[in-house]
Structure formats: C-alpha cells, structure tokens
Protein backbone atom coordinates (compact mmCIF):
# COMPACT_ATOMS: atom_id res chain seq x y z
CA MET A 1 -49.35 -16.61 -16.58
CA ARG A 2 -45.90 -16.56 -18.28
CA ALA A 3 -44.35 -20.15 -18.16
CA PHE A 4 -41.77 -22.37 -19.23
CA ILE A 5 -40.38 -26.04 -18.98
CA ALA A 6 -36.78 -26.61 -17.91
CA LEU A 7 -34.10 -29.06 -16.82
CA PRO A 8 -32.73 -27.52 -13.56
CA LEU A 9 -29.04 -27.69 -12.43
CA PRO A 10 -27.33 -29.08 -9.41
CA ARG A 11 -25.66 -26.55 -6.98
CA GLU A 12 -22.06 -27.48 -7.98
CA VAL A 13 -22.93 -26.45 -11.74
CA GLN A 14 -24.55 -23.25 -10.43
CA ALA A 15 -21.33 -22.47 -8.51
CA VAL A 16 -19.08 -23.00 -11.76
CA LEU A 17 -21.43 -20.89 -13.57
CA SER A 18 -21.39 -18.05 -10.95
CA ARG A 19 -17.43 -18.18 -11.31
CA THR A 20 -17.79 -17.88 -15.08
CA ILE A 21 -20.21 -14.95 -14.88
CA ASN A 22 -17.76 -13.16 -12.52
CA GLN A 23 -15.20 -13.42 -15.26
CA LEU A 24 -17.42 -12.08 -17.96
CA GLU A 25 -18.57 -9.23 -15.75
CA ARG A 26 -15.10 -7.95 -15.42
CA LEU A 27 -14.86 -8.10 -19.28
CA CYS A 28 -18.20 -6.86 -20.36
CA GLY A 29 -19.10 -4.29 -17.53
CA ARG A 30 -22.68 -3.11 -17.75
CA ALA A 31 -23.19 -4.03 -21.38
CA VAL A 32 -24.60 -7.45 -20.39
CA ARG A 33 -27.40 -8.23 -17.85
CA PHE A 34 -26.37 -11.52 -16.35
CA VAL A 35 -28.67 -14.24 -15.07
CA PRO A 36 -28.30 -15.15 -11.27
CA ALA A 37 -26.45 -18.28 -11.26
CA GLY A 38 -29.20 -19.96 -9.02
CA GLN A 39 -31.71 -19.26 -11.79
CA ILE A 40 -29.81 -20.76 -14.70
CA HIS A 41 -31.34 -23.94 -16.19
CA LEU A 42 -31.78 -25.42 -19.59
CA THR A 43 -35.04 -24.33 -21.23
CA VAL A 44 -36.72 -27.26 -22.85
CA LYS A 45 -39.99 -25.32 -23.95
CA PHE A 46 -40.93 -21.68 -23.51
CA LEU A 47 -44.64 -21.54 -23.41
CA GLY A 48 -45.11 -17.83 -23.05
CA ASP A 49 -48.24 -16.58 -21.49
CA ILE A 50 -50.78 -19.17 -20.76
CA ASP A 51 -54.02 -19.49 -19.00
CA GLU A 52 -53.77 -20.71 -15.58
CA GLY A 53 -56.41 -23.27 -16.28
CA GLN A 54 -53.89 -25.03 -18.82
CA ALA A 55 -51.47 -25.85 -15.77
CA PRO A 56 -53.06 -29.18 -14.76
CA GLN A 57 -53.13 -30.45 -18.31
CA ILE A 58 -49.44 -29.57 -19.02
CA THR A 59 -48.46 -31.08 -15.48
CA ALA A 60 -50.25 -34.16 -16.37
CA GLY A 61 -48.56 -34.36 -19.81
CA LEU A 62 -45.16 -34.05 -18.14
CA ARG A 63 -45.99 -36.44 -15.44
CA ALA A 64 -46.59 -39.12 -18.12
CA LEU A 65 -43.65 -38.07 -20.23
CA VAL A 66 -40.87 -38.40 -17.51
CA ALA A 67 -41.51 -42.00 -16.50
CA SER A 68 -40.00 -42.86 -19.87
CA TYR A 69 -36.63 -41.08 -19.04
CA ALA A 70 -34.04 -42.21 -16.54
CA PRO A 71 -31.59 -39.37 -15.19
CA TRP A 72 -28.68 -38.92 -17.56
CA PRO A 73 -25.13 -37.62 -17.46
CA ALA A 74 -24.16 -34.27 -18.93
CA GLN A 75 -21.15 -31.97 -18.93
CA LEU A 76 -20.52 -28.32 -19.56
CA GLN A 77 -18.60 -27.35 -22.65
CA SER A 78 -15.37 -25.42 -21.96
CA LYS A 79 -16.13 -22.60 -24.35
CA LEU A 80 -18.89 -19.90 -24.55
CA GLY A 81 -21.44 -19.52 -27.26
CA ALA A 82 -23.35 -16.66 -28.49
CA PHE A 83 -26.53 -16.09 -30.42
CA PRO A 84 -26.87 -15.02 -33.15
CA ASN A 85 -23.00 -15.35 -33.16
CA SER A 86 -19.74 -14.19 -31.45
CA SER A 87 -19.33 -11.29 -33.92
CA ALA A 88 -22.48 -9.67 -32.78
CA PRO A 89 -23.61 -11.38 -29.56
CA ARG A 90 -26.99 -10.74 -28.13
CA VAL A 91 -27.07 -13.87 -25.81
CA ILE A 92 -24.02 -15.42 -24.15
CA TRP A 93 -24.42 -19.11 -23.14
CA VAL A 94 -22.60 -22.28 -22.23
CA GLY A 95 -23.22 -25.44 -24.20
CA VAL A 96 -24.05 -28.86 -22.63
CA GLU A 97 -22.95 -32.10 -23.97
CA ASP A 98 -25.23 -34.85 -23.03
CA GLY A 99 -25.17 -37.56 -25.91
CA GLY A 100 -28.44 -35.90 -27.39
CA ASN A 101 -30.74 -36.71 -24.42
CA ALA A 102 -31.86 -33.24 -24.00
CA VAL A 103 -32.83 -32.91 -27.70
CA THR A 104 -34.79 -36.12 -27.28
CA VAL A 105 -36.50 -34.79 -24.30
CA GLN A 106 -37.12 -31.46 -25.81
CA ARG A 107 -38.90 -33.20 -28.93
CA SER A 108 -40.99 -35.31 -26.58
CA VAL A 109 -42.04 -32.24 -24.59
CA GLU A 110 -43.01 -30.51 -28.10
CA ASP A 111 -45.02 -33.64 -29.06
CA ALA A 112 -46.68 -33.82 -25.64
CA LEU A 113 -47.70 -30.19 -25.60
CA ASP A 114 -48.78 -30.13 -29.14
CA GLY A 115 -52.22 -31.67 -28.29
CA PHE A 116 -52.75 -28.71 -25.99
CA GLY A 117 -52.37 -26.06 -28.79
CA PHE A 118 -48.89 -25.09 -28.30
CA GLU A 119 -46.86 -24.51 -31.56
CA GLN A 120 -43.96 -26.53 -32.17
CA GLU A 121 -40.48 -24.76 -32.10
CA GLN A 122 -39.34 -24.40 -35.81
CA ARG A 123 -35.84 -23.63 -34.84
CA GLN A 124 -33.29 -26.24 -34.36
CA PHE A 125 -32.72 -26.91 -30.47
CA THR A 126 -29.41 -26.24 -29.14
CA PRO A 127 -28.95 -27.47 -25.54
CA HIS A 128 -27.51 -24.44 -23.66
CA LEU A 129 -27.49 -22.44 -20.46
CA THR A 130 -28.12 -18.71 -20.95
CA LEU A 131 -25.55 -16.55 -18.86
CA GLY A 132 -26.38 -13.13 -19.92
CA ARG A 133 -28.18 -10.92 -22.57
CA ARG A 134 -26.83 -7.67 -23.95
CA ARG A 135 -28.55 -4.75 -22.61
CA PRO A 136 -30.60 -2.73 -25.28
CA GLY A 137 -28.54 -0.01 -26.77
CA LYS A 138 -25.20 -1.20 -25.37
CA ASP A 139 -22.41 -1.79 -27.96
CA SER A 140 -21.43 -5.36 -28.29
CA GLY A 141 -17.80 -4.46 -29.09
CA ARG A 142 -16.43 -5.49 -25.53
CA LEU A 143 -18.20 -8.94 -25.98
CA GLN A 144 -16.86 -9.90 -29.41
CA GLY A 145 -14.46 -12.66 -30.19
CA ARG A 146 -11.24 -12.38 -27.97
CA ALA A 147 -12.85 -11.36 -24.87
CA MET A 148 -15.22 -14.32 -24.86
CA GLU A 149 -12.52 -16.59 -26.06
CA GLY A 150 -10.36 -15.78 -22.92
CA VAL A 151 -13.18 -17.25 -20.58
CA VAL A 152 -12.75 -20.90 -19.95
CA VAL A 153 -15.66 -22.63 -18.46
CA GLU A 154 -14.99 -25.60 -16.18
CA PRO A 155 -16.32 -28.72 -17.91
CA ILE A 156 -17.91 -30.13 -14.89
CA SER A 157 -20.01 -33.25 -15.06
CA PHE A 158 -23.40 -33.69 -13.65
CA PHE A 159 -26.85 -35.48 -14.02
CA PHE A 160 -30.09 -33.95 -15.26
CA ASP A 161 -32.63 -35.72 -13.01
CA ARG A 162 -35.82 -33.57 -13.09
CA LEU A 163 -37.96 -31.71 -15.54
CA VAL A 164 -39.65 -28.58 -13.89
CA PHE A 165 -42.87 -26.56 -15.08
CA PHE A 166 -41.93 -22.98 -14.03
CA GLN A 167 -43.93 -19.70 -13.83
CA SER A 168 -41.79 -16.80 -14.76
CA ILE A 169 -42.74 -13.53 -12.88
CA LEU A 170 -41.23 -10.63 -14.42
CA ALA A 171 -40.06 -7.87 -11.88
CA PRO A 172 -37.92 -4.80 -12.25
CA SER A 173 -34.92 -6.70 -10.66
CA GLY A 174 -35.22 -9.56 -13.14
CA ALA A 175 -37.37 -12.57 -13.62
CA ILE A 176 -38.48 -14.68 -10.63
CA HIS A 177 -38.94 -18.39 -11.14
CA LYS A 178 -41.68 -20.19 -9.17
CA GLU A 179 -42.14 -23.96 -9.49
CA ILE A 180 -45.54 -25.16 -10.57
CA SER A 181 -44.61 -29.02 -10.90
CA VAL A 182 -41.35 -30.92 -10.47
CA HIS A 183 -41.21 -34.36 -12.31
CA VAL A 184 -38.39 -36.51 -11.31
CA LEU A 185 -36.95 -38.55 -14.41
CA GLY A 186 -37.84 -42.24 -14.29
CA ARG A 187 -40.47 -42.17 -11.57
CA PRO A 188 -43.58 -44.12 -12.31
CA LEU A 189 -46.80 -41.93 -12.73
CA SER A 190 -47.94 -42.69 -9.20
CA GLU A 191 -44.52 -41.30 -7.58
CA SER A 192 -44.34 -37.92 -9.42
CA VAL A 193 -43.93 -34.91 -7.13
C-alpha cells in the first residue's frame, strides 16, 4: 500500500488554492498536471509502498506524537515557488509560513518512524503545498519566471489542527487519497480519532 503522512488544509484555503490553480491553468495550458484543490495538503513524510501490517504501528506512533502539539497558525505565502527552480520548474508550489512548526512536526514524525525502519529524509524540509507537476515531455518555457511571477496567491491565514495518515491509490485520473487514521493535534492519547 502506498502511503504518506500530511497536514490537511481547511476548505477556505483549498478555495484560495483553487483560484490560484485556475490562474495557472490559463498560463500553463496542458504543460502542467494540477492537483485537485480538495486534495492539496502539506506532506510531512512520504512513506512509499508499505506493508498493510505496518499501519497499526504507524497509527500508534502518530497518536503518541500529536498529544505534544497544539494547533498552530499558518499563512500562505503570496508568491509561487518551484522545484528545482523557477528557470526549469518540474513542481509548482505555494509556501507556508508557520514559525517553523511544520518543520518541528516533520522532524518528530521522522524520529517516531525511524524505529519502524523508515529512512529519514536527507533533504532539507521546505513546508509547501504542491499545486502541479510538469507533464513528462512538455516544455517548461510557458512556466518560467514572468508567467509564475504574475500569479499572486491570497495570503490567507489558517490553523493546522490535524495530522493524517493517508493511503494513496494511483488511478489513471490521478491519485485518490484515503484516510487511514486522523490525529487531532493536542488531544490526549485516549481521545485520538
């Protein structure tokens, strides 16, 4: 089973991101495959293919971890970002400013899962929301520099309040995300969902 752990977004933020994607679609055409706004989240840890038997251990680890964290405020950054860079973008994203809380949670998740045999991420964690990926074989010329600079994201404020363990089911129309377990930040162990 393909799985990941993420911080989901409130509907108001998804609505802002939907408007941003609409702007990008007009600029980029079919060069980019955009993520449906309702599926956008902040990935904390991509697990890849795991054995279904590991799900209860992962769920228990996350349940213990979230009791240490209260919900925290965040805000979308107003400019778009790109990986590896805006000159040759493969991934278009919006950054999240939250005072370093997502980075702290990401490190805690890495540490909690290290005991289950998951390798720790070596790249520096950049809290971001992926909006789209360049389609293979498509020219990135329409995505470069000025086109992306012209798109301004509404810097909406919101709270991260849950950590979710997701299954990702790959389908021809795109990935389908199914919640395996939901963990409300700040809840005692006995009250986790």
